[in-house]
Amino acid sequence: MQEPDPERALLNYAEQPHEGDWTLRSALVRLAQPEPVRVGSVLQLMRRLDAPLHHVARVLERHAVLCDRGLTVDGVDGPIADAVADVRTADLARLVAVGVDERALLAGYEERAPLDPEERLAVPLLALAVRFEALGERLAAWARTGPDDPPVDAVEEAVAEVRARLDELGVPIETGPPPGARSARS
């Protein structure tokens, strides 16, 4: 049985290596120097997205296939441009992220291979991970060249888009301490 690539799978969008070995998370550290508030907004949204994805990760990972990180609507029937072992819903999410109608896409897919309920619910969330994956690529390109002229417009666009979609999907806003934080004991 195939397993998702631990480095390049969409569920690991924050730690995927980009050129120069930068990841979204490491590029955000560099961006935090001149833009701490913007980085805080991105991190808050990443935690908000990661919470529901964490709950369905095992179900998604049971269905690993060879996916195409470079998938486009025009390339659906063509050869795989950037192969990676990933969850089968990753390619569906990539298509949703570029504007394919989610309902029609899932209905067509499920005529051949029924999805688990968790997989269906994860597709729009994974589409947001695709958005963060693209932001990671953009920030990594900036981080390689130096601290001048950070891509704040790209960050603001991603934050606005992801926040609006998470609100639309009803994903709760984190109100307590970050996951893994220990409470003070008396």
Protein backbone atom coordinates (compact mmCIF):
# COMPACT_ATOMS: atom_id res chain seq x y z
CA MET A 1 0.00 0.00 0.00
CA GLN A 2 1.33 3.42 -0.97
CA GLU A 3 1.71 6.12 1.68
CA PRO A 4 1.72 9.90 1.18
CA ASP A 5 5.17 11.47 0.83
CA PRO A 6 5.79 12.90 4.32
CA GLU A 7 7.63 15.95 2.92
CA ARG A 8 5.63 16.83 -0.18
CA ALA A 9 2.05 15.77 0.67
CA LEU A 10 -0.56 18.51 0.74
CA LEU A 11 -1.37 17.83 4.40
CA ASN A 12 2.20 18.99 5.10
CA TYR A 13 1.82 22.27 3.16
CA ALA A 14 3.56 24.31 5.88
CA GLU A 15 6.75 22.22 5.79
CA GLN A 16 6.99 21.39 2.08
CA PRO A 17 10.47 22.27 0.85
CA HIS A 18 10.72 24.89 -1.87
CA GLU A 19 13.76 26.07 -3.80
CA GLY A 20 16.63 26.90 -1.46
CA ASP A 21 15.13 24.52 1.13
CA TRP A 22 12.72 27.20 2.34
CA THR A 23 9.31 26.13 3.64
CA LEU A 24 6.23 28.25 4.21
CA ARG A 25 6.93 28.17 7.94
CA SER A 26 10.61 29.13 7.62
CA ALA A 27 9.80 31.91 5.13
CA LEU A 28 7.22 33.23 7.59
CA VAL A 29 9.96 33.43 10.23
CA ARG A 30 11.94 35.64 7.87
CA LEU A 31 8.86 37.71 7.03
CA ALA A 32 8.06 38.16 10.73
CA GLN A 33 11.04 40.49 11.11
CA PRO A 34 9.51 43.28 9.02
CA GLU A 35 5.85 42.13 9.16
CA PRO A 36 5.00 40.47 12.51
CA VAL A 37 1.28 41.31 12.42
CA ARG A 38 0.79 39.88 8.93
CA VAL A 39 2.67 36.73 9.88
CA GLY A 40 0.54 36.40 13.00
CA SER A 41 -2.57 36.51 10.81
CA VAL A 42 -1.22 33.78 8.53
CA LEU A 43 -0.24 31.56 11.46
CA GLN A 44 -3.65 31.97 13.08
CA LEU A 45 -5.33 30.88 9.85
CA MET A 46 -2.92 27.95 9.45
CA ARG A 47 -3.82 26.72 12.95
CA ARG A 48 -7.49 27.19 12.16
CA LEU A 49 -7.11 25.11 8.99
CA ASP A 50 -4.88 22.48 10.56
CA ALA A 51 -7.33 21.71 13.38
CA PRO A 52 -10.03 20.07 11.21
CA LEU A 53 -7.45 18.56 8.84
CA HIS A 54 -5.72 16.91 11.79
CA HIS A 55 -8.97 15.14 12.71
CA VAL A 56 -9.35 13.58 9.26
CA ALA A 57 -5.70 13.00 8.36
CA ARG A 58 -5.68 9.27 9.11
CA VAL A 59 -8.79 8.67 7.00
CA LEU A 60 -7.30 10.69 4.13
CA GLU A 61 -3.95 8.91 4.36
CA ARG A 62 -5.62 5.51 3.92
CA HIS A 63 -6.23 6.48 0.30
CA ALA A 64 -2.80 7.39 -1.03
CA VAL A 65 -2.28 7.60 -4.77
CA LEU A 66 0.14 9.19 -7.21
CA CYS A 67 -0.95 12.84 -7.53
CA ASP A 68 0.18 15.81 -9.58
CA ARG A 69 1.32 18.91 -7.68
CA GLY A 70 1.25 20.74 -11.01
CA LEU A 71 -2.31 19.71 -11.90
CA THR A 72 -4.37 22.17 -13.91
CA VAL A 73 -7.78 21.92 -15.54
CA ASP A 74 -6.08 21.67 -18.94
CA GLY A 75 -3.75 18.93 -17.70
CA VAL A 76 -6.31 16.54 -16.23
CA ASP A 77 -5.99 14.08 -19.11
CA GLY A 78 -2.30 14.68 -19.74
CA PRO A 79 0.83 13.25 -18.20
CA ILE A 80 1.67 13.96 -14.56
CA ALA A 81 3.78 17.13 -14.41
CA ASP A 82 4.99 16.93 -10.78
CA ALA A 83 4.34 13.47 -9.32
CA VAL A 84 3.99 12.99 -5.57
CA ALA A 85 2.47 10.24 -3.44
CA ASP A 86 -0.40 11.99 -1.69
CA VAL A 87 -3.98 11.53 -0.51
CA ARG A 88 -6.41 10.98 -3.36
CA THR A 89 -8.34 14.11 -2.42
CA ALA A 90 -5.25 16.28 -3.05
CA ASP A 91 -5.82 16.35 -6.82
CA LEU A 92 -9.51 17.11 -6.26
CA ALA A 93 -8.53 19.99 -3.98
CA ARG A 94 -6.06 21.32 -6.56
CA LEU A 95 -8.86 21.45 -9.13
CA VAL A 96 -11.25 23.14 -6.69
CA ALA A 97 -8.51 25.67 -5.86
CA VAL A 98 -8.31 26.71 -9.54
CA GLY A 99 -12.06 27.18 -9.81
CA VAL A 100 -13.57 23.83 -10.81
CA ASP A 101 -17.09 23.46 -9.41
CA GLU A 102 -16.66 21.34 -6.29
CA ARG A 103 -20.07 19.65 -6.36
CA ALA A 104 -19.82 18.60 -9.99
CA LEU A 105 -16.23 17.44 -9.55
CA LEU A 106 -17.04 15.30 -6.51
CA ALA A 107 -20.16 13.87 -8.14
CA GLY A 108 -18.15 12.86 -11.20
CA TYR A 109 -15.33 11.41 -9.13
CA GLU A 110 -17.69 9.42 -6.94
CA GLU A 111 -19.28 7.73 -9.96
CA ARG A 112 -16.02 5.75 -10.16
CA ALA A 113 -14.65 5.80 -6.60
CA PRO A 114 -16.89 6.67 -3.63
CA LEU A 115 -15.29 8.97 -1.07
CA ASP A 116 -15.53 8.63 2.69
CA PRO A 117 -17.63 11.39 4.31
CA GLU A 118 -14.44 12.78 5.87
CA GLU A 119 -12.81 12.96 2.44
CA ARG A 120 -15.75 14.92 1.02
CA LEU A 121 -15.57 17.38 3.90
CA ALA A 122 -11.81 17.71 3.55
CA VAL A 123 -11.73 18.74 -0.12
CA PRO A 124 -12.56 22.45 0.44
CA LEU A 125 -10.13 22.53 3.37
CA LEU A 126 -7.40 20.97 1.25
CA ALA A 127 -8.13 23.59 -1.43
CA LEU A 128 -7.14 26.18 1.19
CA ALA A 129 -3.98 24.19 1.86
CA VAL A 130 -3.27 24.52 -1.88
CA ARG A 131 -3.62 28.29 -1.45
CA PHE A 132 -1.11 28.24 1.42
CA GLU A 133 1.16 25.97 -0.64
CA ALA A 134 1.21 28.66 -3.35
CA LEU A 135 1.88 31.34 -0.75
CA GLY A 136 4.77 29.21 0.54
CA GLU A 137 6.25 29.10 -2.95
CA ARG A 138 5.95 32.89 -3.28
CA LEU A 139 7.43 33.57 0.17
CA ALA A 140 10.25 31.08 -0.39
CA ALA A 141 11.20 32.89 -3.61
CA TRP A 142 11.28 36.17 -1.70
CA ALA A 143 13.19 34.70 1.27
CA ARG A 144 15.96 33.41 -1.04
CA THR A 145 16.67 36.88 -2.42
CA GLY A 146 16.77 38.84 0.81
CA PRO A 147 14.76 40.97 3.14
CA ASP A 148 13.94 43.84 0.77
CA ASP A 149 10.47 44.28 -0.72
CA PRO A 150 8.48 41.54 1.07
CA PRO A 151 5.39 40.32 -0.88
CA VAL A 152 2.86 41.83 1.52
CA ASP A 153 0.16 42.04 -1.18
CA ALA A 154 0.39 38.27 -1.74
CA VAL A 155 0.14 37.68 2.01
CA GLU A 156 -2.84 40.01 2.41
CA GLU A 157 -4.66 38.38 -0.54
CA ALA A 158 -4.08 34.90 0.87
CA VAL A 159 -5.18 35.94 4.36
CA ALA A 160 -8.39 37.56 3.07
CA GLU A 161 -9.23 34.61 0.81
CA VAL A 162 -8.51 31.89 3.39
CA ARG A 163 -10.24 33.74 6.24
CA ALA A 164 -13.39 34.29 4.17
CA ARG A 165 -13.52 30.66 3.05
CA LEU A 166 -12.91 29.30 6.57
CA ASP A 167 -15.74 31.53 7.82
CA GLU A 168 -17.97 30.28 5.00
CA LEU A 169 -17.14 26.67 5.88
CA GLY A 170 -17.89 27.33 9.56
CA VAL A 171 -14.40 26.44 10.80
CA PRO A 172 -14.16 27.80 14.36
CA ILE A 173 -11.66 30.44 15.37
CA GLU A 174 -9.10 29.25 17.89
CA THR A 175 -9.92 30.81 21.25
CA GLY A 176 -7.69 28.96 23.70
CA PRO A 177 -3.97 28.42 23.99
CA PRO A 178 -2.22 26.93 20.95
CA PRO A 179 -2.41 23.15 20.64
CA GLY A 180 0.17 21.44 22.81
CA ALA A 181 0.48 24.35 25.23
CA ARG A 182 0.46 23.23 28.82
CA SER A 183 -1.75 24.85 31.39
CA ALA A 184 -0.17 26.31 34.49
CA ARG A 185 -0.52 24.08 37.53
CA SER A 186 -0.73 25.45 41.01
